[in-house]
Amino acid sequence: MIRRANREDAEAIAAIYNMSVAAGFCTADTEPQTTAGRRKQMEAHPGPVHCYFVFEWDGKIAGWASLAPHRPGRKALRFTKEVSFYIHPEYQSRGIGSQLLKHIIHFARESGIKTLFALLLESNTKSIGLLRKFGFEKWGHLPGVADFEGTEVGQFIFGRRVK
């Protein structure tokens, strides 16, 4: 089941995110997030368009996705949103990422959003494959911008029009 996230979901959302941090080369963060920090980020994405969605599996949050503003305050960019998604390792390869991304695209279209993009490390091949599956294309590459204690990794920009 996919539903909008609420304040109480911040702990599970942060825990899933922190698993990606611990795995390395999945996100540019190198330090885990606190529940309070994630809650603050969630509150900075007020609805109706900037929001988090969670996927529940047997009553547990198995993954989440979010839509965030791109360069807040710049009115010409109001129809462009950044999408992020993370799946708990125990629930990966079960189609949850596909369902969340499909949901986000449908929600974006219904909300009048015209463009979605994702920023991800070039080493995150699973997420790249999922984005390509849903019609996202590589729009840019920032070579060597992430430094993991001397190991440099580039970042890709993937995007698609949704209108």
Protein backbone atom coordinates (compact mmCIF):
# COMPACT_ATOMS: atom_id res chain seq x y z
CA MET A 1 0.00 0.00 0.00
CA ILE A 2 1.26 3.48 -0.88
CA ARG A 3 0.17 6.41 1.24
CA ARG A 4 1.34 9.88 2.17
CA ALA A 5 3.90 9.87 4.93
CA ASN A 6 3.18 11.53 8.25
CA ARG A 7 5.31 12.76 11.16
CA GLU A 8 5.32 9.35 12.80
CA ASP A 9 6.95 7.81 9.70
CA ALA A 10 10.12 9.91 10.06
CA GLU A 11 11.90 7.28 12.14
CA ALA A 12 11.39 4.52 9.55
CA ILE A 13 12.20 6.87 6.67
CA ALA A 14 15.45 7.92 8.35
CA ALA A 15 16.34 4.29 9.13
CA ILE A 16 15.91 3.24 5.49
CA TYR A 17 17.92 6.23 4.32
CA ASN A 18 20.67 5.44 6.82
CA MET A 19 20.97 1.92 5.43
CA SER A 20 21.89 3.51 2.09
CA VAL A 21 24.40 5.75 3.84
CA ALA A 22 25.97 2.71 5.54
CA ALA A 23 26.10 0.75 2.26
CA GLY A 24 28.24 3.49 0.73
CA PHE A 25 28.21 4.94 -2.77
CA CYS A 26 24.36 5.02 -2.81
CA THR A 27 23.97 8.57 -1.54
CA ALA A 28 26.40 11.44 -1.13
CA ASP A 29 25.71 11.59 2.61
CA THR A 30 28.41 9.95 4.69
CA GLU A 31 26.84 10.44 8.11
CA PRO A 32 23.53 8.92 9.26
CA GLN A 33 20.49 11.12 9.71
CA THR A 34 18.57 11.48 12.91
CA THR A 35 14.81 11.06 13.08
CA ALA A 36 14.54 14.72 14.09
CA GLY A 37 16.61 15.75 11.08
CA ARG A 38 14.44 13.75 8.70
CA ARG A 39 11.28 15.11 10.31
CA LYS A 40 12.62 18.64 9.75
CA GLN A 41 13.23 17.81 6.06
CA MET A 42 9.73 16.39 5.76
CA GLU A 43 8.25 19.54 7.29
CA ALA A 44 10.25 21.63 4.81
CA HIS A 45 8.31 19.83 2.02
CA PRO A 46 4.79 21.02 2.79
CA GLY A 47 2.01 19.51 0.66
CA PRO A 48 0.13 19.32 -1.45
CA VAL A 49 2.86 18.87 -4.08
CA HIS A 50 6.07 18.62 -2.04
CA CYS A 51 5.56 15.46 -0.07
CA TYR A 52 6.71 12.03 0.98
CA PHE A 53 5.02 8.73 0.19
CA VAL A 54 5.67 5.44 1.96
CA PHE A 55 5.13 1.88 0.80
CA GLU A 56 3.80 -0.41 3.53
CA TRP A 57 4.40 -4.16 3.39
CA ASP A 58 2.74 -6.21 6.13
CA GLY A 59 2.40 -3.09 8.28
CA LYS A 60 6.06 -2.07 7.94
CA ILE A 61 7.46 0.75 5.88
CA ALA A 62 9.45 -0.99 3.15
CA GLY A 63 10.36 2.08 1.11
CA TRP A 64 9.65 5.71 0.50
CA ALA A 65 9.74 8.37 -2.20
CA SER A 66 9.60 12.14 -2.09
CA LEU A 67 9.04 15.15 -4.30
CA ALA A 68 11.05 18.25 -3.46
CA PRO A 69 11.11 21.72 -4.96
CA HIS A 70 13.88 22.61 -7.37
CA ARG A 71 15.51 25.90 -6.38
CA PRO A 72 12.69 27.09 -4.12
CA GLY A 73 11.51 30.62 -4.64
CA ARG A 74 12.37 30.74 -8.33
CA LYS A 75 8.92 30.92 -9.83
CA ALA A 76 9.85 29.76 -13.33
CA LEU A 77 10.95 26.41 -11.82
CA ARG A 78 7.68 25.78 -9.93
CA PHE A 79 6.63 22.91 -12.24
CA THR A 80 9.96 21.05 -11.85
CA LYS A 81 10.46 18.69 -8.90
CA GLU A 82 13.24 16.46 -7.64
CA VAL A 83 12.27 12.86 -6.97
CA SER A 84 14.08 10.66 -4.44
CA PHE A 85 13.36 7.06 -3.48
CA TYR A 86 14.86 4.50 -1.10
CA ILE A 87 13.91 0.88 -0.45
CA HIS A 88 14.76 -1.12 2.68
CA PRO A 89 17.38 -3.74 1.67
CA GLU A 90 15.16 -6.62 2.85
CA TYR A 91 12.44 -5.52 0.40
CA GLN A 92 14.54 -4.74 -2.65
CA SER A 93 13.84 -6.58 -5.93
CA ARG A 94 10.15 -6.99 -5.06
CA GLY A 95 8.83 -4.24 -7.31
CA ILE A 96 8.42 -1.65 -4.55
CA GLY A 97 10.65 0.89 -6.26
CA SER A 98 8.67 0.46 -9.48
CA GLN A 99 5.37 0.96 -7.68
CA LEU A 100 6.62 4.05 -5.86
CA LEU A 101 8.03 5.60 -9.01
CA LYS A 102 4.85 4.83 -10.96
CA HIS A 103 2.85 6.44 -8.15
CA ILE A 104 5.09 9.53 -8.10
CA ILE A 105 4.80 9.98 -11.88
CA HIS A 106 1.02 9.65 -11.76
CA PHE A 107 0.82 12.05 -8.80
CA ALA A 108 3.06 14.54 -10.60
CA ARG A 109 0.93 14.43 -13.74
CA GLU A 110 -2.28 14.89 -11.73
CA SER A 111 -0.71 17.77 -9.78
CA GLY A 112 0.37 19.74 -12.85
CA ILE A 113 4.07 19.03 -12.46
CA LYS A 114 5.74 19.08 -15.86
CA THR A 115 9.26 17.83 -15.16
CA LEU A 116 10.82 15.35 -12.74
CA PHE A 117 14.52 14.88 -12.18
CA ALA A 118 16.72 12.80 -9.92
CA LEU A 119 20.30 13.37 -8.78
CA LEU A 120 22.20 10.17 -8.12
CA LEU A 121 25.70 8.86 -7.89
CA GLU A 122 26.99 7.16 -11.02
CA SER A 123 27.70 4.07 -8.89
CA ASN A 124 23.98 3.66 -8.06
CA THR A 125 23.25 1.35 -10.98
CA LYS A 126 20.03 -0.14 -9.56
CA SER A 127 18.39 3.26 -9.27
CA ILE A 128 19.66 4.26 -12.71
CA GLY A 129 18.05 1.13 -14.16
CA LEU A 130 14.76 1.88 -12.43
CA LEU A 131 14.70 5.45 -13.67
CA ARG A 132 15.42 4.32 -17.24
CA LYS A 133 12.59 1.77 -16.97
CA PHE A 134 10.21 4.68 -16.35
CA GLY A 135 11.42 6.86 -19.20
CA PHE A 136 13.99 8.98 -17.40
CA GLU A 137 16.98 9.91 -19.51
CA LYS A 138 20.45 11.05 -18.53
CA TRP A 139 20.39 14.84 -18.78
CA GLY A 140 23.73 15.58 -17.20
CA HIS A 141 26.90 14.33 -15.55
CA LEU A 142 28.97 16.01 -12.87
CA PRO A 143 32.25 14.04 -12.90
CA GLY A 144 34.05 13.35 -9.64
CA VAL A 145 31.94 15.68 -7.48
CA ALA A 146 31.46 13.27 -4.55
CA ASP A 147 34.58 12.46 -2.54
CA PHE A 148 34.44 9.42 -0.26
CA GLU A 149 37.72 9.71 1.63
CA GLY A 150 39.73 9.95 -1.59
CA THR A 151 37.46 7.92 -3.87
CA GLU A 152 35.78 10.30 -6.27
CA VAL A 153 32.41 9.43 -7.78
CA GLY A 154 30.42 11.39 -10.32
CA GLN A 155 26.78 12.36 -10.10
CA PHE A 156 24.18 11.98 -12.82
CA ILE A 157 21.09 14.03 -13.46
CA PHE A 158 18.22 11.94 -14.85
CA GLY A 159 15.00 13.57 -15.90
CA ARG A 160 11.75 13.20 -17.78
CA ARG A 161 8.77 15.26 -18.77
CA VAL A 162 5.48 14.11 -17.25
CA LYS A 163 2.81 16.35 -18.73
